[in-house]
Amino acid sequence: MIAYMYLFFAVIFGTASNLFAKSAEGFSKLTPSIFSIITIILCMYCLSQVMKSIPVGITYAIFAGLCIVATVLIGIIKFNQIPNIYSFVGLAMIVSGVIIVNLLDKN
């Protein structure tokens, strides 16, 4: 259960890092650049803790899928970047994949 807590924080830090990178405008702004670097380091630390008990492929599949969905949702809310219908279908497939990986994984 601790591994999933670390995974949750990895997704939070990974999503935050993506948003700070957007705000850093190509790392030309100092403060969001520093926050982006700090949050990605925290994200990688959390992922390394998860991989102690969950296989690397499963860890990364869950992390990447949830991070993508979270980043898109924040993009919609904060930056008013509305995806088209095909993007929503793709996101639904990502969420379905994450659910399948979690439900059918035998580890």
PDB file of N, CA and C in Angstrom:
ATOM      1  N   MET A   1       0.823  -1.202   0.000  1.00  0.00           N
ATOM      2  CA  MET A   1       0.000   0.000   0.000  1.00  0.00           C
ATOM      3  C   MET A   1       0.864   1.263   0.000  1.00  0.00           C
ATOM      4  N   ILE A   2       2.006   1.203   0.671  1.00  0.00           N
ATOM      5  CA  ILE A   2       2.931   2.341   0.710  1.00  0.00           C
ATOM      6  C   ILE A   2       3.400   2.675  -0.704  1.00  0.00           C
ATOM      7  N   ALA A   3       3.594   1.640  -1.529  1.00  0.00           N
ATOM      8  CA  ALA A   3       4.047   1.858  -2.907  1.00  0.00           C
ATOM      9  C   ALA A   3       3.036   2.705  -3.679  1.00  0.00           C
ATOM     10  N   TYR A   4       1.759   2.450  -3.463  1.00  0.00           N
ATOM     11  CA  TYR A   4       0.738   3.224  -4.174  1.00  0.00           C
ATOM     12  C   TYR A   4       0.657   4.663  -3.656  1.00  0.00           C
ATOM     13  N   MET A   5       1.010   4.865  -2.395  1.00  0.00           N
ATOM     14  CA  MET A   5       1.086   6.224  -1.875  1.00  0.00           C
ATOM     15  C   MET A   5       2.221   6.977  -2.583  1.00  0.00           C
ATOM     16  N   TYR A   6       3.374   6.324  -2.700  1.00  0.00           N
ATOM     17  CA  TYR A   6       4.489   6.937  -3.423  1.00  0.00           C
ATOM     18  C   TYR A   6       4.115   7.178  -4.892  1.00  0.00           C
ATOM     19  N   LEU A   7       3.389   6.247  -5.480  1.00  0.00           N
ATOM     20  CA  LEU A   7       2.961   6.415  -6.870  1.00  0.00           C
ATOM     21  C   LEU A   7       2.037   7.618  -7.014  1.00  0.00           C
ATOM     22  N   PHE A   8       1.143   7.786  -6.075  1.00  0.00           N
ATOM     23  CA  PHE A   8       0.248   8.941  -6.075  1.00  0.00           C
ATOM     24  C   PHE A   8       1.061  10.239  -6.050  1.00  0.00           C
ATOM     25  N   PHE A   9       2.052  10.311  -5.150  1.00  0.00           N
ATOM     26  CA  PHE A   9       2.871  11.512  -5.061  1.00  0.00           C
ATOM     27  C   PHE A   9       3.727  11.697  -6.306  1.00  0.00           C
ATOM     28  N   ALA A  10       4.185  10.599  -6.912  1.00  0.00           N
ATOM     29  CA  ALA A  10       4.952  10.704  -8.159  1.00  0.00           C
ATOM     30  C   ALA A  10       4.105  11.346  -9.250  1.00  0.00           C
ATOM     31  N   VAL A  11       2.841  10.963  -9.330  1.00  0.00           N
ATOM     32  CA  VAL A  11       1.936  11.554 -10.321  1.00  0.00           C
ATOM     33  C   VAL A  11       1.718  13.040 -10.025  1.00  0.00           C
ATOM     34  N   ILE A  12       1.531  13.372  -8.767  1.00  0.00           N
ATOM     35  CA  ILE A  12       1.345  14.779  -8.385  1.00  0.00           C
ATOM     36  C   ILE A  12       2.591  15.594  -8.755  1.00  0.00           C
ATOM     37  N   PHE A  13       3.771  15.094  -8.364  1.00  0.00           N
ATOM     38  CA  PHE A  13       5.014  15.820  -8.663  1.00  0.00           C
ATOM     39  C   PHE A  13       5.294  15.861 -10.166  1.00  0.00           C
ATOM     40  N   GLY A  14       5.017  14.772 -10.868  1.00  0.00           N
ATOM     41  CA  GLY A  14       5.232  14.741 -12.317  1.00  0.00           C
ATOM     42  C   GLY A  14       4.338  15.726 -13.043  1.00  0.00           C
ATOM     43  N   THR A  15       3.094  15.781 -12.634  1.00  0.00           N
ATOM     44  CA  THR A  15       2.148  16.730 -13.232  1.00  0.00           C
ATOM     45  C   THR A  15       2.559  18.166 -12.910  1.00  0.00           C
ATOM     46  N   ALA A  16       2.955  18.399 -11.662  1.00  0.00           N
ATOM     47  CA  ALA A  16       3.408  19.734 -11.272  1.00  0.00           C
ATOM     48  C   ALA A  16       4.630  20.147 -12.090  1.00  0.00           C
ATOM     49  N   SER A  17       5.544  19.209 -12.294  1.00  0.00           N
ATOM     50  CA  SER A  17       6.739  19.507 -13.076  1.00  0.00           C
ATOM     51  C   SER A  17       6.377  19.907 -14.506  1.00  0.00           C
ATOM     52  N   ASN A  18       5.414  19.198 -15.088  1.00  0.00           N
ATOM     53  CA  ASN A  18       4.956  19.549 -16.440  1.00  0.00           C
ATOM     54  C   ASN A  18       4.385  20.963 -16.477  1.00  0.00           C
ATOM     55  N   LEU A  19       3.609  21.305 -15.479  1.00  0.00           N
ATOM     56  CA  LEU A  19       2.983  22.628 -15.453  1.00  0.00           C
ATOM     57  C   LEU A  19       4.014  23.731 -15.213  1.00  0.00           C
ATOM     58  N   PHE A  20       4.985  23.456 -14.338  1.00  0.00           N
ATOM     59  CA  PHE A  20       6.047  24.446 -14.128  1.00  0.00           C
ATOM     60  C   PHE A  20       6.886  24.606 -15.390  1.00  0.00           C
ATOM     61  N   ALA A  21       7.119  23.508 -16.115  1.00  0.00           N
ATOM     62  CA  ALA A  21       7.885  23.590 -17.366  1.00  0.00           C
ATOM     63  C   ALA A  21       7.151  24.467 -18.380  1.00  0.00           C
ATOM     64  N   LYS A  22       5.821  24.344 -18.443  1.00  0.00           N
ATOM     65  CA  LYS A  22       5.026  25.200 -19.329  1.00  0.00           C
ATOM     66  C   LYS A  22       5.173  26.661 -18.937  1.00  0.00           C
ATOM     67  N   SER A  23       5.092  26.922 -17.636  1.00  0.00           N
ATOM     68  CA  SER A  23       5.204  28.299 -17.144  1.00  0.00           C
ATOM     69  C   SER A  23       6.622  28.851 -17.287  1.00  0.00           C
ATOM     70  N   ALA A  24       7.618  27.972 -17.354  1.00  0.00           N
ATOM     71  CA  ALA A  24       9.014  28.411 -17.456  1.00  0.00           C
ATOM     72  C   ALA A  24       9.356  28.933 -18.844  1.00  0.00           C
ATOM     73  N   GLU A  25       8.475  28.690 -19.810  1.00  0.00           N
ATOM     74  CA  GLU A  25       8.655  29.162 -21.188  1.00  0.00           C
ATOM     75  C   GLU A  25      10.047  28.834 -21.722  1.00  0.00           C
ATOM     76  N   GLY A  26      10.303  27.532 -21.831  1.00  0.00           N
ATOM     77  CA  GLY A  26      11.595  27.086 -22.359  1.00  0.00           C
ATOM     78  C   GLY A  26      12.727  27.292 -21.366  1.00  0.00           C
ATOM     79  N   PHE A  27      12.401  27.258 -20.098  1.00  0.00           N
ATOM     80  CA  PHE A  27      13.357  27.478 -19.008  1.00  0.00           C
ATOM     81  C   PHE A  27      14.019  28.857 -19.096  1.00  0.00           C
ATOM     82  N   SER A  28      13.268  29.821 -19.590  1.00  0.00           N
ATOM     83  CA  SER A  28      13.771  31.202 -19.655  1.00  0.00           C
ATOM     84  C   SER A  28      13.353  32.007 -18.420  1.00  0.00           C
ATOM     85  N   LYS A  29      12.423  31.476 -17.627  1.00  0.00           N
ATOM     86  CA  LYS A  29      11.998  32.129 -16.383  1.00  0.00           C
ATOM     87  C   LYS A  29      12.550  31.318 -15.214  1.00  0.00           C
ATOM     88  N   LEU A  30      13.257  31.977 -14.325  1.00  0.00           N
ATOM     89  CA  LEU A  30      14.007  31.293 -13.273  1.00  0.00           C
ATOM     90  C   LEU A  30      13.137  30.542 -12.273  1.00  0.00           C
ATOM     91  N   THR A  31      12.155  31.204 -11.680  1.00  0.00           N
ATOM     92  CA  THR A  31      11.380  30.575 -10.604  1.00  0.00           C
ATOM     93  C   THR A  31      10.631  29.328 -11.063  1.00  0.00           C
ATOM     94  N   PRO A  32       9.839  29.369 -12.141  1.00  0.00           N
ATOM     95  CA  PRO A  32       9.176  28.125 -12.545  1.00  0.00           C
ATOM     96  C   PRO A  32      10.169  27.061 -13.014  1.00  0.00           C
ATOM     97  N   SER A  33      11.314  27.469 -13.529  1.00  0.00           N
ATOM     98  CA  SER A  33      12.339  26.495 -13.931  1.00  0.00           C
ATOM     99  C   SER A  33      12.869  25.743 -12.723  1.00  0.00           C
ATOM    100  N   ILE A  34      13.134  26.480 -11.644  1.00  0.00           N
ATOM    101  CA  ILE A  34      13.625  25.852 -10.414  1.00  0.00           C
ATOM    102  C   ILE A  34      12.569  24.909  -9.847  1.00  0.00           C
ATOM    103  N   PHE A  35      11.311  25.349  -9.820  1.00  0.00           N
ATOM    104  CA  PHE A  35      10.230  24.481  -9.321  1.00  0.00           C
ATOM    105  C   PHE A  35      10.069  23.239 -10.197  1.00  0.00           C
ATOM    106  N   SER A  36      10.227  23.385 -11.490  1.00  0.00           N
ATOM    107  CA  SER A  36      10.140  22.237 -12.393  1.00  0.00           C
ATOM    108  C   SER A  36      11.231  21.217 -12.071  1.00  0.00           C
ATOM    109  N   ILE A  37      12.436  21.691 -11.868  1.00  0.00           N
ATOM    110  CA  ILE A  37      13.558  20.807 -11.544  1.00  0.00           C
ATOM    111  C   ILE A  37      13.335  20.103 -10.203  1.00  0.00           C
ATOM    112  N   ILE A  38      12.906  20.858  -9.207  1.00  0.00           N
ATOM    113  CA  ILE A  38      12.675  20.273  -7.877  1.00  0.00           C
ATOM    114  C   ILE A  38      11.577  19.222  -7.925  1.00  0.00           C
ATOM    115  N   THR A  39      10.473  19.531  -8.603  1.00  0.00           N
ATOM    116  CA  THR A  39       9.363  18.575  -8.624  1.00  0.00           C
ATOM    117  C   THR A  39       9.696  17.323  -9.438  1.00  0.00           C
ATOM    118  N   ILE A  40      10.510  17.441 -10.484  1.00  0.00           N
ATOM    119  CA  ILE A  40      10.861  16.238 -11.239  1.00  0.00           C
ATOM    120  C   ILE A  40      11.818  15.369 -10.434  1.00  0.00           C
ATOM    121  N   ILE A  41      12.686  15.977  -9.632  1.00  0.00           N
ATOM    122  CA  ILE A  41      13.556  15.194  -8.754  1.00  0.00           C
ATOM    123  C   ILE A  41      12.713  14.459  -7.708  1.00  0.00           C
ATOM    124  N   LEU A  42      11.762  15.153  -7.112  1.00  0.00           N
ATOM    125  CA  LEU A  42      10.866  14.507  -6.140  1.00  0.00           C
ATOM    126  C   LEU A  42      10.062  13.386  -6.798  1.00  0.00           C
ATOM    127  N   CYS A  43       9.609  13.628  -8.019  1.00  0.00           N
ATOM    128  CA  CYS A  43       8.869  12.621  -8.780  1.00  0.00           C
ATOM    129  C   CYS A  43       9.724  11.364  -8.981  1.00  0.00           C
ATOM    130  N   MET A  44      10.964  11.544  -9.413  1.00  0.00           N
ATOM    131  CA  MET A  44      11.850  10.403  -9.656  1.00  0.00           C
ATOM    132  C   MET A  44      12.174   9.651  -8.370  1.00  0.00           C
ATOM    133  N   TYR A  45      12.317  10.386  -7.270  1.00  0.00           N
ATOM    134  CA  TYR A  45      12.540   9.734  -5.979  1.00  0.00           C
ATOM    135  C   TYR A  45      11.344   8.839  -5.630  1.00  0.00           C
ATOM    136  N   CYS A  46      10.141   9.400  -5.758  1.00  0.00           N
ATOM    137  CA  CYS A  46       8.934   8.623  -5.455  1.00  0.00           C
ATOM    138  C   CYS A  46       8.833   7.390  -6.359  1.00  0.00           C
ATOM    139  N   LEU A  47       9.118   7.562  -7.653  1.00  0.00           N
ATOM    140  CA  LEU A  47       9.072   6.411  -8.566  1.00  0.00           C
ATOM    141  C   LEU A  47      10.090   5.346  -8.170  1.00  0.00           C
ATOM    142  N   SER A  48      11.265   5.765  -7.729  1.00  0.00           N
ATOM    143  CA  SER A  48      12.279   4.780  -7.321  1.00  0.00           C
ATOM    144  C   SER A  48      11.806   3.986  -6.108  1.00  0.00           C
ATOM    145  N   GLN A  49      11.048   4.628  -5.240  1.00  0.00           N
ATOM    146  CA  GLN A  49      10.503   3.912  -4.080  1.00  0.00           C
ATOM    147  C   GLN A  49       9.418   2.919  -4.502  1.00  0.00           C
ATOM    148  N   VAL A  50       8.607   3.315  -5.473  1.00  0.00           N
ATOM    149  CA  VAL A  50       7.551   2.435  -5.971  1.00  0.00           C
ATOM    150  C   VAL A  50       8.155   1.182  -6.585  1.00  0.00           C
ATOM    151  N   MET A  51       9.246   1.357  -7.341  1.00  0.00           N
ATOM    152  CA  MET A  51       9.849   0.236  -8.065  1.00  0.00           C
ATOM    153  C   MET A  51      10.522  -0.783  -7.158  1.00  0.00           C
ATOM    154  N   LYS A  52      10.588  -0.504  -5.861  1.00  0.00           N
ATOM    155  CA  LYS A  52      11.087  -1.498  -4.914  1.00  0.00           C
ATOM    156  C   LYS A  52      10.097  -2.650  -4.759  1.00  0.00           C
ATOM    157  N   SER A  53       8.811  -2.361  -5.006  1.00  0.00           N
ATOM    158  CA  SER A  53       7.805  -3.407  -4.782  1.00  0.00           C
ATOM    159  C   SER A  53       6.892  -3.664  -5.978  1.00  0.00           C
ATOM    160  N   ILE A  54       6.851  -2.762  -6.942  1.00  0.00           N
ATOM    161  CA  ILE A  54       6.028  -2.959  -8.142  1.00  0.00           C
ATOM    162  C   ILE A  54       6.971  -2.995  -9.336  1.00  0.00           C
ATOM    163  N   PRO A  55       6.799  -3.951 -10.256  1.00  0.00           N
ATOM    164  CA  PRO A  55       7.696  -4.038 -11.412  1.00  0.00           C
ATOM    165  C   PRO A  55       7.765  -2.720 -12.188  1.00  0.00           C
ATOM    166  N   VAL A  56       8.938  -2.457 -12.761  1.00  0.00           N
ATOM    167  CA  VAL A  56       9.204  -1.191 -13.432  1.00  0.00           C
ATOM    168  C   VAL A  56       8.211  -0.918 -14.565  1.00  0.00           C
ATOM    169  N   GLY A  57       7.880  -1.923 -15.360  1.00  0.00           N
ATOM    170  CA  GLY A  57       6.950  -1.729 -16.473  1.00  0.00           C
ATOM    171  C   GLY A  57       5.563  -1.342 -16.006  1.00  0.00           C
ATOM    172  N   ILE A  58       5.102  -2.001 -14.970  1.00  0.00           N
ATOM    173  CA  ILE A  58       3.776  -1.705 -14.415  1.00  0.00           C
ATOM    174  C   ILE A  58       3.786  -0.316 -13.774  1.00  0.00           C
ATOM    175  N   THR A  59       4.839  -0.027 -13.017  1.00  0.00           N
ATOM    176  CA  THR A  59       4.974   1.284 -12.380  1.00  0.00           C
ATOM    177  C   THR A  59       4.902   2.395 -13.416  1.00  0.00           C
ATOM    178  N   TYR A  60       5.700   2.249 -14.458  1.00  0.00           N
ATOM    179  CA  TYR A  60       5.774   3.326 -15.437  1.00  0.00           C
ATOM    180  C   TYR A  60       4.489   3.430 -16.253  1.00  0.00           C
ATOM    181  N   ALA A  61       3.840   2.318 -16.538  1.00  0.00           N
ATOM    182  CA  ALA A  61       2.573   2.358 -17.277  1.00  0.00           C
ATOM    183  C   ALA A  61       1.520   3.130 -16.487  1.00  0.00           C
ATOM    184  N   ILE A  62       1.420   2.829 -15.206  1.00  0.00           N
ATOM    185  CA  ILE A  62       0.444   3.512 -14.363  1.00  0.00           C
ATOM    186  C   ILE A  62       0.810   4.992 -14.227  1.00  0.00           C
ATOM    187  N   PHE A  63       2.088   5.253 -13.928  1.00  0.00           N
ATOM    188  CA  PHE A  63       2.549   6.627 -13.746  1.00  0.00           C
ATOM    189  C   PHE A  63       2.309   7.466 -14.992  1.00  0.00           C
ATOM    190  N   ALA A  64       2.749   6.964 -16.124  1.00  0.00           N
ATOM    191  CA  ALA A  64       2.642   7.736 -17.368  1.00  0.00           C
ATOM    192  C   ALA A  64       1.183   8.005 -17.725  1.00  0.00           C
ATOM    193  N   GLY A  65       0.349   6.968 -17.620  1.00  0.00           N
ATOM    194  CA  GLY A  65      -1.064   7.140 -17.954  1.00  0.00           C
ATOM    195  C   GLY A  65      -1.746   8.174 -17.078  1.00  0.00           C
ATOM    196  N   LEU A  66      -1.534   8.062 -15.769  1.00  0.00           N
ATOM    197  CA  LEU A  66      -2.181   9.003 -14.862  1.00  0.00           C
ATOM    198  C   LEU A  66      -1.614  10.411 -14.998  1.00  0.00           C
ATOM    199  N   CYS A  67      -0.315  10.498 -15.247  1.00  0.00           N
ATOM    200  CA  CYS A  67       0.311  11.811 -15.419  1.00  0.00           C
ATOM    201  C   CYS A  67      -0.214  12.506 -16.685  1.00  0.00           C
ATOM    202  N   ILE A  68      -0.390  11.739 -17.745  1.00  0.00           N
ATOM    203  CA  ILE A  68      -0.928  12.303 -18.991  1.00  0.00           C
ATOM    204  C   ILE A  68      -2.335  12.848 -18.754  1.00  0.00           C
ATOM    205  N   VAL A  69      -3.174  12.046 -18.139  1.00  0.00           N
ATOM    206  CA  VAL A  69      -4.559  12.460 -17.896  1.00  0.00           C
ATOM    207  C   VAL A  69      -4.595  13.674 -16.965  1.00  0.00           C
ATOM    208  N   ALA A  70      -3.802  13.655 -15.901  1.00  0.00           N
ATOM    209  CA  ALA A  70      -3.789  14.774 -14.958  1.00  0.00           C
ATOM    210  C   ALA A  70      -3.295  16.052 -15.640  1.00  0.00           C
ATOM    211  N   THR A  71      -2.274  15.932 -16.473  1.00  0.00           N
ATOM    212  CA  THR A  71      -1.740  17.105 -17.165  1.00  0.00           C
ATOM    213  C   THR A  71      -2.768  17.680 -18.142  1.00  0.00           C
ATOM    214  N   VAL A  72      -3.488  16.802 -18.829  1.00  0.00           N
ATOM    215  CA  VAL A  72      -4.529  17.281 -19.745  1.00  0.00           C
ATOM    216  C   VAL A  72      -5.634  17.997 -18.962  1.00  0.00           C
ATOM    217  N   LEU A  73      -6.054  17.423 -17.843  1.00  0.00           N
ATOM    218  CA  LEU A  73      -7.108  18.051 -17.043  1.00  0.00           C
ATOM    219  C   LEU A  73      -6.680  19.419 -16.524  1.00  0.00           C
ATOM    220  N   ILE A  74      -5.440  19.516 -16.050  1.00  0.00           N
ATOM    221  CA  ILE A  74      -4.946  20.812 -15.586  1.00  0.00           C
ATOM    222  C   ILE A  74      -4.818  21.781 -16.760  1.00  0.00           C
ATOM    223  N   GLY A  75      -4.408  21.276 -17.925  1.00  0.00           N
ATOM    224  CA  GLY A  75      -4.330  22.115 -19.119  1.00  0.00           C
ATOM    225  C   GLY A  75      -5.683  22.694 -19.497  1.00  0.00           C
ATOM    226  N   ILE A  76      -6.723  21.884 -19.339  1.00  0.00           N
ATOM    227  CA  ILE A  76      -8.085  22.356 -19.615  1.00  0.00           C
ATOM    228  C   ILE A  76      -8.465  23.462 -18.630  1.00  0.00           C
ATOM    229  N   ILE A  77      -8.203  23.210 -17.353  1.00  0.00           N
ATOM    230  CA  ILE A  77      -8.622  24.144 -16.304  1.00  0.00           C
ATOM    231  C   ILE A  77      -7.779  25.419 -16.304  1.00  0.00           C
ATOM    232  N   LYS A  78      -6.453  25.271 -16.326  1.00  0.00           N
ATOM    233  CA  LYS A  78      -5.573  26.426 -16.153  1.00  0.00           C
ATOM    234  C   LYS A  78      -5.278  27.177 -17.452  1.00  0.00           C
ATOM    235  N   PHE A  79      -5.111  26.450 -18.545  1.00  0.00           N
ATOM    236  CA  PHE A  79      -4.682  27.079 -19.792  1.00  0.00           C
ATOM    237  C   PHE A  79      -5.782  27.123 -20.858  1.00  0.00           C
ATOM    238  N   ASN A  80      -6.978  26.631 -20.509  1.00  0.00           N
ATOM    239  CA  ASN A  80      -8.111  26.612 -21.435  1.00  0.00           C
ATOM    240  C   ASN A  80      -7.756  25.904 -22.751  1.00  0.00           C
ATOM    241  N   GLN A  81      -6.999  24.815 -22.643  1.00  0.00           N
ATOM    242  CA  GLN A  81      -6.607  24.016 -23.806  1.00  0.00           C
ATOM    243  C   GLN A  81      -7.559  22.825 -23.913  1.00  0.00           C
ATOM    244  N   ILE A  82      -8.589  22.974 -24.712  1.00  0.00           N
ATOM    245  CA  ILE A  82      -9.635  21.964 -24.826  1.00  0.00           C
ATOM    246  C   ILE A  82      -9.255  20.962 -25.922  1.00  0.00           C
ATOM    247  N   PRO A  83      -9.075  19.696 -25.540  1.00  0.00           N
ATOM    248  CA  PRO A  83      -8.759  18.679 -26.551  1.00  0.00           C
ATOM    249  C   PRO A  83      -9.967  18.386 -27.439  1.00  0.00           C
ATOM    250  N   ASN A  84      -9.707  17.846 -28.636  1.00  0.00           N
ATOM    251  CA  ASN A  84     -10.816  17.471 -29.512  1.00  0.00           C
ATOM    252  C   ASN A  84     -11.348  16.085 -29.117  1.00  0.00           C
ATOM    253  N   ILE A  85     -12.370  15.630 -29.789  1.00  0.00           N
ATOM    254  CA  ILE A  85     -13.028  14.365 -29.437  1.00  0.00           C
ATOM    255  C   ILE A  85     -12.078  13.175 -29.538  1.00  0.00           C
ATOM    256  N   TYR A  86     -11.174  13.208 -30.509  1.00  0.00           N
ATOM    257  CA  TYR A  86     -10.229  12.107 -30.664  1.00  0.00           C
ATOM    258  C   TYR A  86      -9.261  12.032 -29.485  1.00  0.00           C
ATOM    259  N   SER A  87      -8.898  13.187 -28.967  1.00  0.00           N
ATOM    260  CA  SER A  87      -8.035  13.216 -27.788  1.00  0.00           C
ATOM    261  C   SER A  87      -8.752  12.627 -26.578  1.00  0.00           C
ATOM    262  N   PHE A  88     -10.037  12.958 -26.431  1.00  0.00           N
ATOM    263  CA  PHE A  88     -10.799  12.394 -25.321  1.00  0.00           C
ATOM    264  C   PHE A  88     -10.931  10.881 -25.452  1.00  0.00           C
ATOM    265  N   VAL A  89     -11.113  10.383 -26.660  1.00  0.00           N
ATOM    266  CA  VAL A  89     -11.180   8.935 -26.878  1.00  0.00           C
ATOM    267  C   VAL A  89      -9.838   8.304 -26.490  1.00  0.00           C
ATOM    268  N   GLY A  90      -8.743   8.916 -26.916  1.00  0.00           N
ATOM    269  CA  GLY A  90      -7.419   8.420 -26.560  1.00  0.00           C
ATOM    270  C   GLY A  90      -7.186   8.427 -25.062  1.00  0.00           C
ATOM    271  N   LEU A  91      -7.613   9.487 -24.400  1.00  0.00           N
ATOM    272  CA  LEU A  91      -7.468   9.560 -22.945  1.00  0.00           C
ATOM    273  C   LEU A  91      -8.296   8.484 -22.248  1.00  0.00           C
ATOM    274  N   ALA A  92      -9.490   8.223 -22.756  1.00  0.00           N
ATOM    275  CA  ALA A  92     -10.321   7.151 -22.195  1.00  0.00           C
ATOM    276  C   ALA A  92      -9.628   5.802 -22.356  1.00  0.00           C
ATOM    277  N   MET A  93      -8.950   5.623 -23.483  1.00  0.00           N
ATOM    278  CA  MET A  93      -8.220   4.369 -23.698  1.00  0.00           C
ATOM    279  C   MET A  93      -7.035   4.255 -22.737  1.00  0.00           C
ATOM    280  N   ILE A  94      -6.374   5.374 -22.458  1.00  0.00           N
ATOM    281  CA  ILE A  94      -5.273   5.359 -21.490  1.00  0.00           C
ATOM    282  C   ILE A  94      -5.788   4.973 -20.107  1.00  0.00           C
ATOM    283  N   VAL A  95      -6.881   5.586 -19.689  1.00  0.00           N
ATOM    284  CA  VAL A  95      -7.463   5.276 -18.383  1.00  0.00           C
ATOM    285  C   VAL A  95      -7.879   3.805 -18.338  1.00  0.00           C
ATOM    286  N   SER A  96      -8.486   3.316 -19.408  1.00  0.00           N
ATOM    287  CA  SER A  96      -8.871   1.899 -19.469  1.00  0.00           C
ATOM    288  C   SER A  96      -7.643   1.004 -19.336  1.00  0.00           C
ATOM    289  N   GLY A  97      -6.564   1.377 -19.994  1.00  0.00           N
ATOM    290  CA  GLY A  97      -5.332   0.600 -19.912  1.00  0.00           C
ATOM    291  C   GLY A  97      -4.774   0.562 -18.506  1.00  0.00           C
ATOM    292  N   VAL A  98      -4.782   1.686 -17.825  1.00  0.00           N
ATOM    293  CA  VAL A  98      -4.303   1.734 -16.445  1.00  0.00           C
ATOM    294  C   VAL A  98      -5.151   0.846 -15.550  1.00  0.00           C
ATOM    295  N   ILE A  99      -6.459   0.887 -15.733  1.00  0.00           N
ATOM    296  CA  ILE A  99      -7.363   0.044 -14.946  1.00  0.00           C
ATOM    297  C   ILE A  99      -7.098  -1.430 -15.233  1.00  0.00           C
ATOM    298  N   ILE A 100      -6.937  -1.789 -16.485  1.00  0.00           N
ATOM    299  CA  ILE A 100      -6.663  -3.190 -16.848  1.00  0.00           C
ATOM    300  C   ILE A 100      -5.341  -3.652 -16.252  1.00  0.00           C
ATOM    301  N   VAL A 101      -4.314  -2.827 -16.352  1.00  0.00           N
ATOM    302  CA  VAL A 101      -3.006  -3.196 -15.789  1.00  0.00           C
ATOM    303  C   VAL A 101      -3.133  -3.445 -14.284  1.00  0.00           C
ATOM    304  N   ASN A 102      -3.894  -2.620 -13.588  1.00  0.00           N
ATOM    305  CA  ASN A 102      -4.046  -2.788 -12.153  1.00  0.00           C
ATOM    306  C   ASN A 102      -4.902  -3.986 -11.770  1.00  0.00           C
ATOM    307  N   LEU A 103      -5.957  -4.227 -12.510  1.00  0.00           N
ATOM    308  CA  LEU A 103      -6.865  -5.309 -12.163  1.00  0.00           C
ATOM    309  C   LEU A 103      -6.350  -6.684 -12.562  1.00  0.00           C
ATOM    310  N   LEU A 104      -5.602  -6.758 -13.656  1.00  0.00           N
ATOM    311  CA  LEU A 104      -5.189  -8.058 -14.170  1.00  0.00           C
ATOM    312  C   LEU A 104      -3.733  -8.413 -13.871  1.00  0.00           C
ATOM    313  N   ASP A 105      -2.994  -7.500 -13.256  1.00  0.00           N
ATOM    314  CA  ASP A 105      -1.604  -7.780 -12.899  1.00  0.00           C
ATOM    315  C   ASP A 105      -1.578  -8.806 -11.775  1.00  0.00           C
ATOM    316  N   LYS A 106      -0.755  -9.833 -11.928  1.00  0.00           N
ATOM    317  CA  LYS A 106      -0.705 -10.898 -10.923  1.00  0.00           C
ATOM    318  C   LYS A 106       0.349 -10.659  -9.865  1.00  0.00           C
ATOM    319  N   ASN A 107       1.107  -9.564  -9.962  1.00  0.00           N
ATOM    320  CA  ASN A 107       2.159  -9.283  -8.962  1.00  0.00           C
ATOM    321  C   ASN A 107       1.546  -8.598  -7.802  1.00  0.00           C
TER     322      ASN A 107
END
